[in-house]
């Protein structure tokens, strides 16, 4: 009986945590998207609520819009990979979206109707702090990043190799571009390449559709199990992003092919070593050789005196 009650309490805690973290919803989805959740994955569908820690993987030629109750709107372009981190918990008030690769457009309201933690954008090269009444378009590729400020003002944080950041003030109409290993540049007009490659749906301000899904419970549709290659970029991301994945994907280390890939690439994510080789981290018994040897010598001397 006690075990049943404990299990029920644990499930309630998980349910409540997901309820608190479900702060955004797919309100538009054109094409296909996968959501890596826990040690599995689900298919993106309109009305699906996203929870803290979800990784969204957009297919080519796809577009999605997710909305928050505070009227913040994020749009994802094709071949985009993002992780939603943070939630509305009192203990962890921050909300941020980490863009590994692809296109993101973020629109924040002038004044949120409901109080919520600030929403930030982060990428391997820059951090975009939360600002009210801003619209920004961000593109991240493996070797460079670019950002256009469509509306509002902000102070972008440019990450440096030594861990520090350099503030870069931007205003409406400014275009920021940076290649890995170099300082960024700011111009007052987006480049023709950026404009031509920007997703077509980013060019217009799409209306909110969140009210259509407020009272609808959309069940997640399970997707096939993912392989190491599907999430390799996340496993090799910066420490703050990849380390939480150890607990989330711990069960994957029992899959032979996934485990073999983890071992082969262990130098890129050494935090997996205790999971793969737990015997190396078990407490060692104190040496007993000297004690046994001393006891044997003492016993022999005793026998000789008899």
Protein backbone atom coordinates (compact mmCIF):
# COMPACT_ATOMS: atom_id res chain seq x y z
CA UNK A 1 0.00 0.00 0.00
CA UNK A 2 2.80 2.39 0.92
CA UNK A 3 4.61 1.65 -2.35
CA UNK A 4 1.40 2.35 -4.31
CA UNK A 5 0.98 5.70 -2.55
CA UNK A 6 4.61 6.61 -3.18
CA UNK A 7 4.26 5.76 -6.86
CA UNK A 8 1.09 7.82 -7.14
CA UNK A 9 2.82 10.76 -5.50
CA UNK A 10 5.76 10.47 -7.86
CA UNK A 11 3.49 10.36 -10.90
CA UNK A 12 1.61 13.39 -9.60
CA UNK A 13 4.87 15.28 -9.24
CA UNK A 14 5.85 14.43 -12.81
CA UNK A 15 2.42 15.43 -14.08
CA UNK A 16 2.51 18.73 -12.20
CA UNK A 17 6.01 19.46 -13.43
CA UNK A 18 4.92 18.92 -17.02
CA UNK A 19 1.84 21.06 -16.46
CA UNK A 20 3.99 23.90 -15.21
CA UNK A 21 6.55 23.49 -17.98
CA UNK A 22 3.97 23.29 -20.78
CA UNK A 23 4.30 26.98 -21.52
CA UNK A 24 4.30 26.88 -25.32
CA UNK A 25 2.17 25.29 -28.01
CA UNK A 26 2.57 24.39 -31.68
CA UNK A 27 -0.09 26.62 -33.27
CA UNK A 28 1.11 26.29 -36.89
CA UNK A 29 3.00 23.39 -38.44
CA UNK A 30 3.58 23.04 -42.15
CA UNK A 31 5.60 19.98 -43.03
CA UNK A 32 7.18 17.67 -40.47
CA UNK A 33 8.87 18.14 -37.12
CA UNK A 34 10.21 15.74 -34.51
CA UNK A 35 10.29 16.49 -30.81
CA UNK A 36 12.90 14.64 -28.74
CA UNK A 37 11.32 14.25 -25.32
CA UNK A 38 12.93 12.25 -22.55
CA UNK A 39 14.61 9.17 -24.05
CA UNK A 40 12.13 9.01 -26.91
CA UNK A 41 10.59 11.19 -29.58
CA UNK A 42 7.13 12.32 -30.67
CA UNK A 43 5.77 13.80 -33.86
CA UNK A 44 5.06 17.51 -33.92
CA UNK A 45 1.39 18.37 -34.52
CA UNK A 46 -0.62 21.54 -34.17
CA UNK A 47 -1.87 21.89 -30.61
CA UNK A 48 0.98 19.87 -29.08
CA UNK A 49 2.31 21.47 -25.92
CA UNK A 50 6.07 21.65 -25.54
CA UNK A 51 7.68 20.96 -22.18
CA UNK A 52 10.97 22.05 -20.67
CA UNK A 53 13.89 20.20 -22.23
CA UNK A 54 12.15 19.39 -25.51
CA UNK A 55 14.34 19.44 -28.62
CA UNK A 56 12.56 20.40 -31.83
CA UNK A 57 14.03 19.10 -35.08
CA UNK A 58 12.42 20.66 -38.14
CA UNK A 59 12.49 18.83 -41.46
CA UNK A 60 13.56 20.51 -44.69
CA UNK A 61 10.88 22.71 -46.30
CA UNK A 62 8.98 22.91 -42.98
CA UNK A 63 7.70 25.83 -40.93
CA UNK A 64 6.34 26.04 -37.40
CA UNK A 65 5.00 28.64 -35.01
CA UNK A 66 4.87 28.17 -31.25
CA UNK A 67 3.15 30.57 -28.89
CA UNK A 68 3.36 31.37 -25.19
CA UNK A 69 0.54 32.62 -22.94
CA UNK A 70 2.37 35.95 -22.57
CA UNK A 71 1.91 36.50 -26.34
CA UNK A 72 5.53 35.77 -27.21
CA UNK A 73 5.69 34.05 -30.60
CA UNK A 74 8.55 31.99 -32.02
CA UNK A 75 8.73 30.78 -35.60
CA UNK A 76 11.04 28.00 -36.82
CA UNK A 77 12.33 27.71 -40.36
CA UNK A 78 13.32 24.57 -42.27
CA UNK A 79 16.15 22.31 -41.02
CA UNK A 80 16.13 24.09 -37.66
CA UNK A 81 17.21 22.45 -34.40
CA UNK A 82 16.32 24.11 -31.09
CA UNK A 83 16.10 23.17 -27.42
CA UNK A 84 13.57 24.74 -25.04
CA UNK A 85 15.15 25.29 -21.66
CA UNK A 86 13.61 26.75 -18.53
CA UNK A 87 10.03 27.08 -17.47
CA UNK A 88 7.66 28.95 -15.25
CA UNK A 89 8.81 27.34 -12.01
CA UNK A 90 9.49 29.66 -9.15
CA UNK A 91 12.84 27.98 -8.54
CA UNK A 92 13.94 28.38 -12.19
CA UNK A 93 12.38 31.59 -13.46
CA UNK A 94 14.41 31.86 -16.66
CA UNK A 95 13.18 30.76 -20.09
CA UNK A 96 15.48 30.44 -23.04
CA UNK A 97 15.64 28.79 -26.39
CA UNK A 98 18.96 27.42 -27.64
CA UNK A 99 19.35 27.50 -31.42
CA UNK A 100 21.81 24.87 -32.58
CA UNK A 101 21.23 25.46 -36.28
CA UNK A 102 18.68 27.02 -38.60
CA UNK A 103 16.26 29.97 -38.56
CA UNK A 104 14.25 31.48 -35.70
CA UNK A 105 12.03 34.55 -35.54
CA UNK A 106 11.09 35.84 -32.10
CA UNK A 107 8.35 38.39 -31.45
CA UNK A 108 7.75 39.69 -27.93
CA UNK A 109 4.74 41.83 -26.87
CA UNK A 110 4.93 45.39 -25.65
CA UNK A 111 3.26 44.39 -22.41
CA UNK A 112 2.50 40.79 -21.55
CA UNK A 113 -1.09 40.14 -20.38
CA UNK A 114 0.16 37.50 -17.95
CA UNK A 115 3.39 37.69 -15.96
CA UNK A 116 6.00 35.22 -17.21
CA UNK A 117 9.76 34.75 -17.07
CA UNK A 118 11.68 36.58 -19.75
CA UNK A 119 12.33 34.65 -22.96
CA UNK A 120 15.88 34.70 -24.30
CA UNK A 121 17.55 33.35 -27.42
CA UNK A 122 20.94 31.66 -27.21
CA UNK A 123 23.24 30.09 -29.76
CA UNK A 124 26.84 28.84 -29.84
CA UNK A 125 28.11 32.34 -30.72
CA UNK A 126 25.71 34.89 -29.21
CA UNK A 127 23.05 35.44 -26.55
CA UNK A 128 20.02 37.61 -27.24
CA UNK A 129 18.54 38.90 -23.98
CA UNK A 130 14.82 39.19 -23.44
CA UNK A 131 13.43 42.56 -24.46
CA UNK A 132 9.83 43.71 -24.65
CA UNK A 133 8.37 44.84 -27.97
CA UNK A 134 11.13 43.38 -30.13
CA UNK A 135 11.12 41.30 -33.29
CA UNK A 136 14.36 39.62 -34.32
CA UNK A 137 15.31 37.10 -36.98
CA UNK A 138 18.26 34.87 -36.12
CA UNK A 139 20.14 32.45 -38.34
CA UNK A 140 22.77 30.06 -36.96
CA UNK A 141 24.99 27.83 -39.06
CA UNK A 142 27.95 25.71 -37.92
CA UNK A 143 30.44 28.46 -38.80
CA UNK A 144 28.58 31.78 -38.50
CA UNK A 145 25.58 33.61 -37.11
CA UNK A 146 23.52 36.54 -38.34
CA UNK A 147 20.69 38.53 -36.80
CA UNK A 148 18.33 41.23 -38.05
CA UNK A 149 16.39 43.53 -35.71
CA UNK A 150 13.02 44.11 -37.28
CA UNK A 151 11.59 46.05 -34.36
CA UNK A 152 12.81 47.40 -31.00
CA UNK A 153 16.23 47.64 -29.38
CA UNK A 154 18.49 45.19 -27.59
CA UNK A 155 22.02 44.60 -26.35
CA UNK A 156 23.31 41.39 -27.87
CA UNK A 157 25.97 39.47 -25.91
CA UNK A 158 28.80 38.27 -28.14
CA UNK A 159 30.49 35.21 -26.68
CA UNK A 160 34.27 35.18 -26.47
CA UNK A 161 36.65 32.21 -26.42
CA UNK A 162 37.67 32.95 -22.81
CA UNK A 163 34.08 32.69 -21.58
CA UNK A 164 33.42 36.42 -21.32
CA UNK A 165 30.92 38.37 -23.42
CA UNK A 166 31.00 41.69 -25.26
CA UNK A 167 27.82 43.77 -25.42
CA UNK A 168 26.72 44.92 -28.86
CA UNK A 169 23.86 47.48 -28.90
CA UNK A 170 21.40 47.07 -31.77
CA UNK A 171 18.33 48.99 -32.88
CA UNK A 172 15.58 48.49 -35.44
CA UNK A 173 17.02 47.99 -38.91
CA UNK A 174 20.46 46.84 -37.70
CA UNK A 175 22.02 43.69 -39.10
CA UNK A 176 24.64 41.77 -37.12
CA UNK A 177 26.91 39.11 -38.63
CA UNK A 178 29.76 37.11 -37.15
CA UNK A 179 31.98 34.26 -38.27
CA UNK A 180 33.32 31.80 -35.72
CA UNK A 181 36.65 33.00 -34.33
CA UNK A 182 36.04 36.63 -35.33
CA UNK A 183 34.32 39.67 -33.87
CA UNK A 184 30.92 40.55 -35.25
CA UNK A 185 30.08 43.47 -37.54
CA UNK A 186 26.98 45.70 -37.55
CA UNK A 187 25.46 47.32 -40.63
CA UNK A 188 22.21 49.21 -41.07
CA UNK A 189 20.76 46.89 -43.67
CA UNK A 190 20.44 43.13 -44.03
CA UNK A 191 22.53 41.57 -46.78
CA UNK A 192 20.78 40.44 -49.99
CA UNK A 193 21.83 36.85 -49.23
CA UNK A 194 20.19 36.95 -45.79
CA UNK A 195 16.98 38.39 -47.23
CA UNK A 196 16.80 35.94 -50.14
CA UNK A 197 17.43 32.88 -47.94
CA UNK A 198 15.11 33.92 -45.10
CA UNK A 199 12.05 31.63 -44.85
CA UNK A 200 9.11 33.04 -46.79
CA UNK A 201 6.79 32.79 -43.78
CA UNK A 202 9.08 35.11 -41.80
CA UNK A 203 8.26 38.01 -44.10
CA UNK A 204 4.76 38.52 -42.69
CA UNK A 205 3.42 38.84 -39.15
CA UNK A 206 1.14 35.86 -38.77
CA UNK A 207 -1.83 36.22 -36.38
CA UNK A 208 -1.97 34.40 -33.08
CA UNK A 209 -3.79 31.08 -33.10
CA UNK A 210 -3.27 30.12 -29.46
CA UNK A 211 -6.96 30.57 -28.53
CA UNK A 212 -7.87 27.71 -30.86
CA UNK A 213 -5.95 25.27 -28.69
CA UNK A 214 -6.58 26.54 -25.16
CA UNK A 215 -9.22 23.92 -24.35
CA UNK A 216 -7.91 21.12 -26.59
CA UNK A 217 -5.86 18.22 -25.34
CA UNK A 218 -3.66 17.02 -28.17
CA UNK A 219 -2.02 13.67 -27.52
CA UNK A 220 1.60 13.26 -28.53
CA UNK A 221 2.12 10.67 -31.29
CA UNK A 222 5.11 8.45 -30.62
CA UNK A 223 7.85 8.48 -33.27
CA UNK A 224 10.54 5.86 -33.98
CA UNK A 225 13.49 5.61 -31.59
CA UNK A 226 16.34 7.96 -32.41
CA UNK A 227 19.93 6.93 -33.12
CA UNK A 228 23.18 8.52 -31.99
CA UNK A 229 23.63 10.24 -35.36
CA UNK A 230 20.23 11.95 -34.98
CA UNK A 231 21.31 13.78 -31.82
CA UNK A 232 25.08 13.85 -32.24
CA UNK A 233 25.14 17.65 -32.44
CA UNK A 234 23.44 17.93 -29.04
CA UNK A 235 25.70 15.33 -27.43
CA UNK A 236 28.72 17.35 -28.60
CA UNK A 237 27.30 20.79 -27.77
CA UNK A 238 28.72 23.12 -25.15
CA UNK A 239 28.76 21.67 -21.60
CA UNK A 240 25.78 23.64 -20.26
CA UNK A 241 23.60 22.22 -23.04
CA UNK A 242 24.85 18.64 -23.32
CA UNK A 243 25.39 17.66 -19.67
CA UNK A 244 21.68 17.47 -18.72
CA UNK A 245 21.28 14.94 -21.54
CA UNK A 246 23.21 12.34 -19.54
CA UNK A 247 20.29 11.73 -17.18
CA UNK A 248 17.66 12.26 -19.86
CA UNK A 249 19.17 9.75 -22.28
CA UNK A 250 20.79 7.41 -19.77
CA UNK A 251 18.66 4.47 -20.95
CA UNK A 252 20.06 4.88 -24.47
CA UNK A 253 23.46 3.72 -23.19
CA UNK A 254 21.99 0.21 -22.91
CA UNK A 255 21.32 0.08 -26.65
CA UNK A 256 24.35 -1.64 -28.28
CA UNK A 257 24.72 0.69 -31.29
CA UNK A 258 24.09 3.85 -29.27
CA UNK A 259 26.54 2.69 -26.60
CA UNK A 260 29.23 1.91 -29.18
CA UNK A 261 28.89 5.40 -30.65
CA UNK A 262 29.08 6.97 -27.20
CA UNK A 263 32.31 5.11 -26.50
CA UNK A 264 33.82 6.00 -29.88
CA UNK A 265 33.10 9.71 -29.32
CA UNK A 266 33.69 9.76 -25.57
CA UNK A 267 36.32 12.51 -25.76
CA UNK A 268 33.61 14.88 -27.05
CA UNK A 269 31.30 14.16 -24.09
CA UNK A 270 33.38 12.75 -21.19
CA UNK A 271 30.48 13.14 -18.75
CA UNK A 272 29.14 9.84 -20.14
CA UNK A 273 32.12 7.89 -18.79
CA UNK A 274 30.51 7.06 -15.39
CA UNK A 275 27.40 5.80 -17.17
CA UNK A 276 29.34 3.64 -19.63
CA UNK A 277 31.93 2.34 -17.16
CA UNK A 278 30.44 2.57 -13.65
CA UNK A 279 32.92 0.03 -12.30
CA UNK A 280 35.68 2.62 -12.63
CA UNK A 281 33.89 4.84 -10.12
CA UNK A 282 33.06 2.29 -7.44
CA UNK A 283 34.85 2.78 -4.08
CA UNK A 284 37.90 0.57 -3.85
CA UNK A 285 38.43 -1.74 -0.88
CA UNK A 286 41.39 -0.79 1.33
CA UNK A 287 44.52 -2.89 0.74
CA UNK A 288 44.72 -5.98 3.00
CA UNK A 289 48.00 -7.51 1.87
CA UNK A 290 50.13 -5.93 4.58
CA UNK A 291 47.67 -6.88 7.32
CA UNK A 292 47.48 -10.50 6.10
CA UNK A 293 51.24 -10.75 5.77
CA UNK A 294 51.77 -9.39 9.29
CA UNK A 295 49.25 -11.79 10.72
CA UNK A 296 50.91 -14.77 9.01
CA UNK A 297 54.36 -13.78 10.29
CA UNK A 298 52.99 -13.37 13.79
CA UNK A 299 51.34 -16.80 13.60
CA UNK A 300 54.55 -18.41 12.43
CA UNK A 301 56.55 -16.89 15.28
CA UNK A 302 53.97 -18.11 17.76
CA UNK A 303 54.21 -21.64 16.41
CA UNK A 304 58.00 -21.58 16.59
CA UNK A 305 58.01 -20.64 20.26
CA UNK A 306 55.76 -23.52 21.10
